[in-house]
Protein backbone atom coordinates (compact mmCIF):
# COMPACT_ATOMS: atom_id res chain seq x y z
CA MET A 1 17.21 -6.39 31.24
CA THR A 2 16.07 -3.01 29.96
CA ALA A 3 18.95 -0.63 29.20
CA PRO A 4 18.95 2.73 31.08
CA ALA A 5 18.70 4.61 27.78
CA ASP A 6 15.54 2.66 26.97
CA ILE A 7 14.07 3.12 30.45
CA ILE A 8 14.03 6.92 30.29
CA HIS A 9 12.20 6.86 26.95
CA LEU A 10 9.35 4.72 28.29
CA THR A 11 6.09 6.47 29.06
CA ALA A 12 4.77 6.34 32.62
CA ALA A 13 2.16 3.81 31.52
CA GLU A 14 4.84 1.61 29.95
CA LEU A 15 7.04 1.92 33.04
CA ALA A 16 4.11 1.00 35.29
CA SER A 17 3.33 -2.07 33.17
CA ARG A 18 6.92 -3.33 33.38
CA LEU A 19 7.13 -2.61 37.08
CA SER A 20 3.91 -4.52 37.71
CA ALA A 21 5.11 -7.46 35.60
CA GLY A 22 8.41 -7.62 37.47
CA GLU A 23 10.39 -6.86 34.32
CA LEU A 24 11.83 -3.73 35.89
CA SER A 25 12.37 -2.47 39.42
CA SER A 26 11.61 0.99 40.73
CA VAL A 27 15.26 1.29 41.77
CA GLU A 28 16.31 0.64 38.16
CA ALA A 29 13.79 3.15 36.82
CA THR A 30 14.76 5.79 39.38
CA THR A 31 18.48 5.23 38.86
CA ALA A 32 18.09 5.67 35.10
CA HIS A 33 16.33 9.01 35.57
CA LEU A 34 18.79 10.23 38.19
CA ASP A 35 21.62 9.35 35.80
CA ARG A 36 19.84 11.28 33.05
CA ILE A 37 19.52 14.31 35.35
CA ARG A 38 23.25 14.16 36.06
CA GLU A 39 23.94 13.86 32.34
CA VAL A 40 21.86 16.72 30.95
CA ASP A 41 20.55 18.99 33.69
CA GLY A 42 23.70 21.07 33.77
CA ASP A 43 22.56 22.28 30.34
CA VAL A 44 18.77 22.24 30.83
CA HIS A 45 18.56 23.37 34.49
CA ALA A 46 15.12 21.85 34.96
CA PHE A 47 15.75 20.97 38.62
CA LEU A 48 16.43 23.20 41.61
CA HIS A 49 16.84 20.27 43.99
CA VAL A 50 17.32 16.52 43.46
CA ASN A 51 15.87 14.23 46.11
CA GLU A 52 18.64 12.49 48.06
CA ARG A 53 16.16 9.84 49.26
CA ALA A 54 14.77 8.92 45.84
CA LEU A 55 16.53 5.55 45.65
CA GLU A 56 15.59 4.72 49.24
CA ILE A 57 11.92 5.42 48.44
CA ALA A 58 12.16 3.35 45.25
CA ALA A 59 13.72 0.44 47.15
CA ASP A 60 10.85 0.52 49.64
CA ILE A 61 8.33 0.33 46.78
CA ASP A 62 10.19 -2.69 45.39
CA ARG A 63 10.14 -4.39 48.81
CA ARG A 64 6.42 -3.80 49.19
CA ARG A 65 5.74 -5.15 45.71
CA ALA A 66 7.87 -8.24 46.36
CA ALA A 67 5.97 -8.83 49.61
CA GLY A 68 2.72 -9.04 47.64
CA GLU A 69 1.28 -5.71 48.74
CA THR A 70 -1.35 -4.24 46.44
CA LEU A 71 0.07 -1.02 45.03
CA GLY A 72 -1.35 1.80 42.95
CA PRO A 73 -1.40 1.62 39.13
CA ILE A 74 1.72 3.79 38.74
CA ALA A 75 3.56 2.85 41.94
CA GLY A 76 7.33 3.01 41.51
CA VAL A 77 7.25 5.56 38.67
CA PRO A 78 9.49 8.63 39.21
CA LEU A 79 7.90 12.08 39.54
CA ALA A 80 9.22 15.65 39.30
CA ILE A 81 7.53 18.31 41.46
CA LYS A 82 7.23 22.00 40.65
CA ASP A 83 8.86 24.03 43.41
CA VAL A 84 5.60 25.88 44.10
CA LEU A 85 4.39 22.73 45.92
CA VAL A 86 5.67 22.37 49.47
CA THR A 87 7.48 19.21 50.56
CA THR A 88 8.76 18.08 53.94
CA ASP A 89 11.95 16.44 52.68
CA MET A 90 13.12 18.99 50.09
CA PRO A 91 13.36 22.79 50.08
CA SER A 92 10.32 24.70 48.81
CA THR A 93 11.37 28.07 47.39
CA SER A 94 8.80 28.90 44.69
CA GLY A 95 11.79 30.04 42.65
CA SER A 96 12.45 32.96 45.03
CA ARG A 97 15.42 34.07 47.12
CA ILE A 98 13.05 35.09 49.89
CA LEU A 99 12.32 31.38 50.53
CA GLU A 100 15.82 30.04 49.86
CA GLY A 101 16.33 26.85 51.87
CA TYR A 102 12.80 26.91 53.34
CA MET A 103 11.67 23.50 54.63
CA SER A 104 7.93 23.02 54.97
CA PRO A 105 6.45 21.24 58.01
CA TYR A 106 3.88 19.51 55.77
CA ASP A 107 3.43 18.19 52.25
CA ALA A 108 1.07 19.72 49.71
CA THR A 109 -1.97 17.46 49.29
CA VAL A 110 -0.98 16.51 45.72
CA VAL A 111 2.50 15.57 46.97
CA ALA A 112 1.06 13.53 49.84
CA ARG A 113 -1.27 11.72 47.46
CA SER A 114 1.60 11.04 45.06
CA ARG A 115 3.65 9.53 47.86
CA ALA A 116 0.69 7.42 49.02
CA ALA A 117 0.26 6.14 45.45
CA GLY A 118 3.88 4.98 45.43
CA LEU A 119 5.34 7.59 43.10
CA VAL A 120 9.02 8.36 43.65
CA PRO A 121 9.79 12.10 44.02
CA LEU A 122 12.90 12.86 41.95
CA GLY A 123 13.20 16.50 42.97
CA LYS A 124 11.84 20.03 42.70
CA THR A 125 11.69 21.80 39.36
CA ASN A 126 12.61 25.35 38.42
CA MET A 127 9.98 28.03 37.88
CA ASP A 128 9.40 31.75 37.48
CA GLU A 129 9.50 33.34 40.93
CA PHE A 130 6.14 32.78 42.67
CA ALA A 131 4.86 31.55 39.29
CA MET A 132 5.03 35.06 37.78
CA GLY A 133 6.20 34.68 34.21
CA SER A 134 5.91 32.87 30.89
CA SER A 135 9.53 31.87 30.31
CA THR A 136 11.13 30.64 33.60
CA GLU A 137 13.61 33.49 33.16
CA HIS A 138 12.27 35.13 36.32
CA SER A 139 13.57 32.34 38.57
CA ALA A 140 15.95 33.67 41.21
CA TYR A 141 18.13 30.62 40.50
CA GLY A 142 18.66 31.12 36.77
CA PRO A 143 16.62 30.19 33.70
CA THR A 144 15.65 26.76 32.47
CA ARG A 145 16.44 26.00 28.83
CA ASN A 146 14.28 24.29 26.24
CA PRO A 147 15.61 20.80 25.35
CA TRP A 148 14.62 21.41 21.69
CA ASP A 149 16.98 24.40 21.53
CA LEU A 150 19.07 25.39 24.55
CA GLU A 151 19.01 29.05 23.48
CA ARG A 152 15.22 29.18 23.83
CA ILE A 153 12.77 29.36 26.72
CA PRO A 154 10.85 26.29 27.96
CA GLY A 155 7.74 28.33 28.76
CA GLY A 156 6.62 29.44 32.18
CA SER A 157 6.01 29.63 34.94
CA GLY A 158 6.43 25.86 35.00
CA GLY A 159 9.23 25.58 32.47
CA GLY A 160 11.23 23.33 34.77
CA SER A 161 8.55 20.62 34.90
CA ALA A 162 7.96 20.73 31.13
CA ALA A 163 11.69 20.70 30.34
CA ALA A 164 12.31 17.79 32.72
CA VAL A 165 9.63 15.72 30.97
CA ALA A 166 10.73 16.74 27.46
CA ALA A 167 14.41 16.03 28.24
CA PHE A 168 13.53 12.55 29.56
CA GLU A 169 14.69 13.47 33.06
CA ALA A 170 11.27 12.47 34.45
CA PRO A 171 8.29 10.62 32.96
CA LEU A 172 5.79 12.60 35.05
CA ALA A 173 5.73 16.05 36.63
CA LEU A 174 3.42 18.20 38.70
CA GLY A 175 2.81 21.77 37.65
CA SER A 176 0.53 24.68 38.49
CA ASP A 177 -1.48 26.82 36.08
CA THR A 178 -2.62 30.35 36.97
CA GLY A 179 -2.91 31.74 33.44
CA GLY A 180 -1.38 28.98 31.32
CA SER A 181 1.68 27.88 33.27
CA ILE A 182 1.09 24.19 32.50
CA ARG A 183 -0.31 24.49 28.98
CA GLN A 184 2.05 27.10 27.50
CA PRO A 185 5.23 25.21 28.58
CA ALA A 186 3.68 22.06 27.10
CA HIS A 187 3.14 23.95 23.83
CA VAL A 188 6.78 25.02 23.48
CA THR A 189 8.35 21.72 24.64
CA GLY A 190 6.22 19.19 22.76
CA THR A 191 4.66 17.75 25.92
CA VAL A 192 1.14 17.33 27.32
CA GLY A 193 -0.17 19.76 29.95
CA MET A 194 -3.55 19.59 31.69
CA LYS A 195 -5.22 22.34 33.72
CA PRO A 196 -8.09 20.68 35.61
CA THR A 197 -11.41 22.29 36.47
CA TYR A 198 -10.89 24.83 39.27
CA GLY A 199 -11.46 22.93 42.52
CA GLY A 200 -10.90 19.52 40.92
CA VAL A 201 -7.39 19.20 42.35
CA SER A 202 -6.43 20.48 45.81
CA ARG A 203 -4.42 23.69 46.10
CA TYR A 204 -3.52 22.97 49.72
CA GLY A 205 0.24 23.34 50.01
CA ALA A 206 0.61 25.16 46.69
CA ILE A 207 2.32 28.46 47.49
CA ALA A 208 -0.42 30.87 46.41
CA LEU A 209 -0.07 33.36 43.59
CA ALA A 210 -3.69 34.21 42.76
CA SER A 211 -6.03 32.01 44.76
CA SER A 212 -9.06 32.32 42.46
CA LEU A 213 -6.98 31.33 39.42
CA ASP A 214 -4.34 28.80 40.58
CA GLN A 215 -4.82 25.13 39.71
CA VAL A 216 -2.45 22.16 40.06
CA GLY A 217 -2.20 19.61 37.26
CA PRO A 218 -0.06 17.03 35.40
CA VAL A 219 2.76 17.54 32.89
CA THR A 220 3.55 14.42 30.86
CA ARG A 221 4.56 13.06 27.46
CA THR A 222 1.20 11.40 26.66
CA VAL A 223 -2.47 12.06 27.38
CA LEU A 224 -2.78 8.65 29.09
CA ASP A 225 0.10 9.49 31.43
CA ALA A 226 -1.63 12.77 32.32
CA GLY A 227 -4.81 10.85 33.12
CA LEU A 228 -2.93 8.37 35.31
CA LEU A 229 -1.35 11.19 37.34
CA HIS A 230 -4.62 13.16 37.48
CA ASP A 231 -6.35 10.09 38.93
CA VAL A 232 -3.79 10.12 41.75
CA ILE A 233 -3.89 13.81 42.66
CA GLY A 234 -7.55 14.69 42.01
CA GLY A 235 -10.62 14.58 44.21
CA HIS A 236 -12.02 16.39 47.21
CA ASP A 237 -9.69 17.68 49.92
CA PRO A 238 -11.19 19.01 53.17
CA HIS A 239 -8.06 21.16 53.64
CA ASP A 240 -9.00 23.22 50.57
CA ALA A 241 -12.19 25.28 50.96
CA THR A 242 -12.50 25.59 47.16
CA SER A 243 -12.23 21.83 46.58
CA LEU A 244 -15.21 20.34 44.73
CA LYS A 245 -16.97 17.51 46.58
CA GLU A 246 -18.33 15.42 43.73
CA SER A 247 -16.73 12.17 42.65
CA TRP A 248 -14.74 12.05 39.42
CA PRO A 249 -14.46 9.35 36.76
CA SER A 250 -11.13 7.73 35.94
CA PHE A 251 -9.29 10.07 33.62
CA ALA A 252 -6.93 7.28 32.56
CA SER A 253 -9.96 5.26 31.45
CA ALA A 254 -11.24 8.28 29.51
CA ALA A 255 -7.85 8.58 27.77
CA ARG A 256 -7.86 4.89 26.85
CA GLU A 257 -11.38 5.26 25.47
CA GLY A 258 -10.29 8.22 23.37
CA ALA A 259 -7.26 6.39 22.00
CA SER A 260 -9.22 3.31 20.95
CA GLY A 261 -12.74 4.59 20.28
CA ASP A 262 -14.42 6.61 17.55
CA VAL A 263 -14.90 9.69 19.72
CA LEU A 264 -14.19 12.32 17.05
CA ARG A 265 -17.12 11.35 14.83
CA GLY A 266 -19.91 13.84 15.45
CA LEU A 267 -17.82 15.88 17.91
CA ARG A 268 -18.62 19.58 17.64
CA VAL A 269 -15.39 21.57 17.88
CA GLY A 270 -15.69 25.32 18.37
CA VAL A 271 -13.21 27.75 16.84
CA ILE A 272 -13.36 31.25 18.32
CA SER A 273 -13.87 33.92 15.68
CA GLU A 274 -12.26 36.60 17.86
CA LEU A 275 -8.89 34.78 17.75
CA PRO A 276 -7.77 35.61 14.18
CA ASP A 277 -4.84 33.87 12.52
CA SER A 278 -3.15 37.24 11.99
CA GLY A 279 -2.17 37.40 15.65
CA PHE A 280 -0.25 34.12 15.57
CA GLN A 281 3.04 32.91 14.14
CA PRO A 282 2.33 31.39 10.71
CA GLY A 283 3.59 27.95 11.70
CA VAL A 284 1.39 27.92 14.79
CA SER A 285 -1.69 28.76 12.73
CA ALA A 286 -0.74 26.22 10.07
CA ARG A 287 -0.42 23.35 12.54
CA PHE A 288 -3.65 24.39 14.28
CA ARG A 289 -5.59 24.37 11.00
CA ALA A 290 -3.98 21.11 9.90
CA THR A 291 -5.02 19.44 13.16
CA LEU A 292 -8.59 20.68 12.75
CA ASP A 293 -8.61 19.32 9.21
CA ALA A 294 -7.40 15.94 10.47
CA MET A 295 -10.18 15.92 13.06
CA ALA A 296 -12.76 16.87 10.42
CA ALA A 297 -11.56 13.99 8.25
CA GLN A 298 -12.46 11.69 11.16
CA GLY A 299 -15.99 13.07 11.35
CA ALA A 300 -15.61 16.04 13.71
CA GLU A 301 -17.72 19.12 12.95
CA ILE A 302 -15.77 22.40 13.06
CA VAL A 303 -18.03 25.25 14.17
CA GLU A 304 -17.14 28.93 14.40
CA VAL A 305 -18.35 30.47 17.66
CA SER A 306 -18.17 33.94 19.12
CA ALA A 307 -16.55 34.85 22.44
CA PRO A 308 -16.54 38.65 22.20
CA HIS A 309 -15.09 39.31 25.64
CA PHE A 310 -12.04 37.04 25.31
CA GLU A 311 -10.09 39.98 23.87
CA TYR A 312 -10.31 41.64 27.29
CA GLY A 313 -9.06 38.54 29.11
CA VAL A 314 -5.40 39.54 29.31
CA ALA A 315 -6.27 43.01 30.64
CA ALA A 316 -8.67 41.63 33.26
CA TYR A 317 -6.22 38.90 34.27
CA TYR A 318 -3.38 41.36 34.81
CA LEU A 319 -5.53 43.28 37.25
CA ILE A 320 -7.00 40.32 39.12
CA LEU A 321 -3.75 38.37 39.40
CA PRO A 322 -1.58 41.23 40.75
CA ALA A 323 -4.31 42.22 43.19
CA GLU A 324 -4.51 38.71 44.63
CA ALA A 325 -0.73 38.33 44.50
CA SER A 326 -0.15 41.52 46.48
CA SER A 327 -2.38 40.08 49.20
CA ASN A 328 -0.94 36.55 49.12
CA LEU A 329 2.67 37.74 49.18
CA ALA A 330 2.12 40.05 52.15
CA LYS A 331 2.97 37.13 54.44
CA PHE A 332 6.60 37.23 53.29
CA ASP A 333 7.37 39.89 55.85
CA SER A 334 10.73 38.77 57.35
CA VAL A 335 9.02 38.00 60.67
CA ARG A 336 7.43 34.56 60.42
CA PHE A 337 9.58 32.61 57.94
CA GLY A 338 11.91 33.08 55.00
CA MET A 339 14.93 35.31 54.71
CA ARG A 340 15.52 38.34 56.93
CA VAL A 341 17.65 41.36 56.03
CA ILE A 342 18.56 43.76 58.83
CA PRO A 343 19.61 47.03 57.15
CA HIS A 344 21.24 48.55 60.25
CA ALA A 345 21.47 48.13 64.00
CA GLY A 346 18.27 49.06 65.76
CA ALA A 347 16.18 48.81 62.58
CA THR A 348 12.41 48.82 63.06
CA VAL A 349 10.18 45.96 61.91
CA GLU A 350 9.04 48.12 59.00
CA GLU A 351 12.63 48.80 57.93
CA VAL A 352 13.56 45.11 58.17
CA MET A 353 10.46 44.16 56.19
CA ALA A 354 11.24 46.69 53.46
CA ALA A 355 14.88 45.61 53.22
CA THR A 356 13.94 41.93 53.15
CA ARG A 357 11.34 42.32 50.42
CA GLU A 358 13.69 44.53 48.40
CA ALA A 359 16.44 41.89 48.53
CA GLY A 360 14.21 38.80 48.40
CA PHE A 361 11.80 39.65 45.57
CA GLY A 362 12.81 39.91 41.91
CA ASP A 363 11.78 42.65 39.52
CA GLU A 364 8.71 40.88 38.09
CA VAL A 365 7.33 40.12 41.56
CA LYS A 366 7.85 43.73 42.62
CA ARG A 367 6.16 44.94 39.44
CA ARG A 368 3.06 42.84 40.02
CA VAL A 369 2.83 43.57 43.75
CA ILE A 370 2.92 47.30 43.01
CA LEU A 371 0.28 46.92 40.28
CA GLY A 372 -1.95 44.85 42.56
CA THR A 373 -1.64 47.14 45.53
CA TYR A 374 -2.54 50.11 43.33
CA ALA A 375 -5.55 48.28 41.84
CA LEU A 376 -6.87 47.54 45.34
CA SER A 377 -6.21 51.00 46.79
CA ALA A 378 -8.95 53.35 47.94
CA GLY A 379 -10.45 55.24 45.03
CA TYR A 380 -9.23 52.77 42.41
CA TYR A 381 -10.77 49.45 43.49
CA ASP A 382 -13.99 49.85 41.49
CA ALA A 383 -12.26 51.32 38.45
CA TYR A 384 -9.69 48.53 38.18
CA TYR A 385 -10.19 45.37 40.25
CA GLY A 386 -13.97 45.67 40.33
CA SER A 387 -14.16 46.27 36.57
CA ALA A 388 -11.85 43.32 35.91
CA GLN A 389 -14.15 41.05 37.90
CA LYS A 390 -17.09 42.20 35.78
CA VAL A 391 -15.15 41.30 32.64
CA ARG A 392 -14.43 37.91 34.21
CA THR A 393 -18.18 37.33 34.56
CA LEU A 394 -18.69 38.25 30.89
CA ILE A 395 -15.98 35.78 29.85
CA GLN A 396 -17.69 33.07 31.88
CA ALA A 397 -20.92 33.91 30.04
CA ASP A 398 -19.08 33.64 26.71
CA PHE A 399 -17.98 30.13 27.65
CA ASP A 400 -21.53 29.15 28.64
CA ALA A 401 -22.86 30.41 25.30
CA ALA A 402 -20.13 28.65 23.35
CA PHE A 403 -20.59 25.32 25.11
CA ALA A 404 -24.31 25.46 24.36
CA GLN A 405 -23.27 25.09 20.70
CA VAL A 406 -20.17 22.86 20.82
CA ASP A 407 -18.63 20.02 22.84
CA VAL A 408 -15.13 21.49 23.07
CA LEU A 409 -13.36 24.67 22.04
CA ALA A 410 -10.02 24.53 20.20
CA THR A 411 -7.30 27.18 20.04
CA PRO A 412 -3.56 27.30 19.52
CA SER A 413 -1.99 26.81 22.95
CA ALA A 414 0.14 29.95 22.53
CA PRO A 415 0.72 32.52 19.77
CA THR A 416 4.34 31.59 18.98
CA THR A 417 6.87 28.81 19.30
CA ALA A 418 9.58 29.11 21.97
CA PHE A 419 11.28 32.48 21.75
CA ARG A 420 14.94 33.08 22.50
CA LEU A 421 16.17 33.60 26.04
CA GLY A 422 16.25 37.32 26.80
CA GLU A 423 14.13 38.23 23.78
CA LYS A 424 11.13 39.54 25.75
CA LEU A 425 12.59 40.24 29.18
CA ASP A 426 12.59 43.99 28.61
CA ASP A 427 9.05 44.03 27.22
CA PRO A 428 6.65 42.75 29.91
CA LEU A 429 3.58 43.42 27.76
CA GLN A 430 4.80 41.09 25.01
CA MET A 431 5.51 38.47 27.66
CA TYR A 432 2.00 38.89 29.08
CA LEU A 433 0.39 38.52 25.63
CA ASN A 434 1.95 35.06 25.34
CA ASP A 435 -0.92 33.78 27.52
CA VAL A 436 -3.73 35.22 25.39
CA THR A 437 -5.30 31.84 24.57
CA THR A 438 -4.82 30.19 27.97
CA ILE A 439 -5.94 32.95 30.36
CA PRO A 440 -9.72 32.74 29.67
CA ALA A 441 -9.87 29.18 31.05
CA ASN A 442 -8.43 30.32 34.38
CA LEU A 443 -10.80 33.28 34.59
CA ALA A 444 -13.76 30.94 34.04
CA GLY A 445 -12.45 27.92 35.99
CA VAL A 446 -12.91 25.53 33.05
CA PRO A 447 -10.47 22.71 32.23
CA GLY A 448 -7.96 22.92 29.38
CA ILE A 449 -5.43 20.55 27.85
CA SER A 450 -2.53 21.20 25.47
CA ILE A 451 -1.22 18.37 23.32
CA PRO A 452 1.52 18.43 20.66
CA ALA A 453 0.22 19.41 17.22
CA GLY A 454 3.47 19.21 15.26
CA LEU A 455 6.44 21.39 14.37
CA ALA A 456 6.28 24.90 12.95
CA PRO A 457 7.88 24.69 9.46
CA GLU A 458 9.72 28.00 9.79
CA ASP A 459 11.79 27.01 12.85
CA GLY A 460 11.20 23.28 13.46
CA LEU A 461 9.95 23.92 17.01
CA PRO A 462 6.93 22.34 18.75
CA VAL A 463 3.41 23.69 18.52
CA GLY A 464 0.50 22.72 20.75
CA ILE A 465 -3.26 22.67 20.27
CA GLN A 466 -5.48 23.48 23.24
CA PHE A 467 -8.89 21.99 23.92
CA LEU A 468 -11.30 23.50 26.46
CA ALA A 469 -14.42 21.90 27.94
CA PRO A 470 -17.15 22.96 30.37
CA ALA A 471 -16.35 22.88 34.08
CA ARG A 472 -16.28 19.35 35.52
CA GLU A 473 -15.94 17.82 32.02
CA ASP A 474 -12.23 17.02 32.38
CA ALA A 475 -12.84 13.46 31.19
CA ARG A 476 -14.12 14.85 27.87
CA LEU A 477 -10.74 16.51 27.33
CA TYR A 478 -8.92 13.25 28.00
CA ARG A 479 -11.09 11.42 25.45
CA VAL A 480 -10.68 14.11 22.80
CA GLY A 481 -7.00 14.72 23.59
CA ALA A 482 -6.11 11.04 23.38
CA ALA A 483 -8.07 10.62 20.13
CA VAL A 484 -6.27 13.55 18.49
CA GLU A 485 -2.92 12.43 19.91
CA THR A 486 -3.40 8.95 18.43
CA LEU A 487 -4.39 10.45 15.08
CA LEU A 488 -1.34 12.70 14.92
CA VAL A 489 1.20 10.19 16.22
CA ASP A 490 0.01 7.74 13.54
CA GLU A 491 0.43 10.50 10.95
CA TRP A 492 3.95 11.33 12.19
CA GLY A 493 5.03 7.71 12.51
CA GLY A 494 5.91 8.16 16.19
CA PRO A 495 5.75 10.66 19.07
CA LEU A 496 6.80 14.24 18.35
CA LEU A 497 9.60 14.03 20.94
CA ASP A 498 11.25 11.34 18.80
CA ARG A 499 12.13 14.21 16.44
CA MET A 500 13.82 16.34 19.10
CA PRO A 501 17.44 16.95 17.99
CA LEU A 502 18.75 16.53 21.54
CA ARG A 503 16.69 13.42 22.38
CA GLY A 504 19.69 11.27 23.25
CA GLY A 505 21.88 13.85 24.93
CA MET A 506 22.64 17.54 25.12
CA ALA A 507 24.86 19.21 22.54
C-alpha cells in the first residue's frame, strides 16, 4: 500500500497509472491530499474553500472503475479550481467580498468537463480579487504564501492554484491567465503553467476580467500533467462565442513525444532583442541563458529576433484591461446578485449601488475600474483605448514577423524571483511591470508555457523559462516544454520541487 506521504508526491500521470492498475483508489488519493491541505494550508492559504463532497465523488469513481466502466485517462485524480471559475457545489467569489458566499446555478465549462472526465474537485483556490494582481495579495480573504518561502508571494492572480500544486496539496489545478496569471505564478513557485491559444479553452463560466485577454489553462508539476489536463478541458464550446471550432491534437501525446524524442535538434528558438538582460534579476537572466545553452548543446539554433513594439505592451495592456474590466464589473450592482449594502433608510438604487461597490470592491479593483472608465469616456476613447488597440495590432504583427523566422520564442517568465509580501503593494507600477514578458502573448492570443528553469543563485528561489508559439500551435509548446524539462531534470538529478526546503511540511 502506498503511504500518504508518497501519494501526494506522485505526479498526476503517476497517480492515474496506479489508479488504473488498481494499486491505489481515488478515495486514498483524495484522502491523502485532503490531509495535506489540513496539515499545511493554515500556513500557505492556497484554498478559500475545501470541497465537502470530495471523498463522496472519489468513492463514486472507485465504484465505477470496479464495475468495469471505461473511465478517462486521469479519472480519480484530485483537482484544485481557481475561484474565478464558477461551481454549483462550492462558493464562487473571485476573491472578492462582493461575491462572498455566492453559489452559481451552473458549472464553468472547464469544471463540467473535469467532472465528466472523473477528476475529483478538492476545492477553490485563492486569487487576487477579480484576477487583478500579480501577487495574490489583493484577495479580499488574505494573501497566499509561497511554499518555497512563506514570507514571499506565490505570484498572481492565480497564486492559490500554483501554491497548492507546489505545496503538494493538489497534483493538478485550473487557473486563468489574462496577462500572465498562470505563467508568472508558475515561475515563482517552480511549477508548470500553460496559457492556451485564445479560444482554445472555453471561458464560459469564468468570471470575466478582460474578455479579449482571459484564457483558462492548467497549473501542474510536469509538462505531461499539463497536457493531460489540457486534453480534458480544451476544445470547442458552443456556449463561448470566441471558442475555436477546429479539432486539437492530444497535448499529452505531444508532451510524451517531447520527453522521448529528439525535438530540440534543428529547433529555431527566438530571443527577443528588445528584452535586455539589464531589466532582469541577475539570477533570472543567468538561468535563462543557461537553459538556452543547454538547448543549443542538444542541437537547437538560438536566433535573435526583433519585436520592437513589445516595450509598449504593458502600457497598452493597462489601458485595454481596465477598460474591459470596468464594463465587465458593471454587473456587480447590488441588484441582481452578490452583496447589498443599504447606507440608510429610503436609499435610492444609485446610493445602494455606490455603497455596495465601495464596501465590496478592494483598492486595486477600484483603481482599475476608474482607469478603465476614464479610458472609455467621451473625448478620451481614441487617445487611450483606441491607441492601445492599435499597439495591440502592432504587437500581433511583431509575433507574425518573429514566427516567420523561428519555431518558438523564449523569454524569462518574469523579471524577478518571488518578492516579499508587502514589498510592492504601495507601488502599483512596479507590480504591473512584473508581467512584462507575459503580457504580449495575451494581447496577441498566442499560447505560452512556463516551465522551471532552476534556482536563482542569489536567493535560492525558482526561476521559469517561457516559450511562446504561433496561435493554434499549443502542441509545439508541449513538445518543446517536455524536451527542455527532461533535459533539465536529468541535469538536476530530479524535479526542482525536490529541492524545496518545505517539501515535507511547513516550518
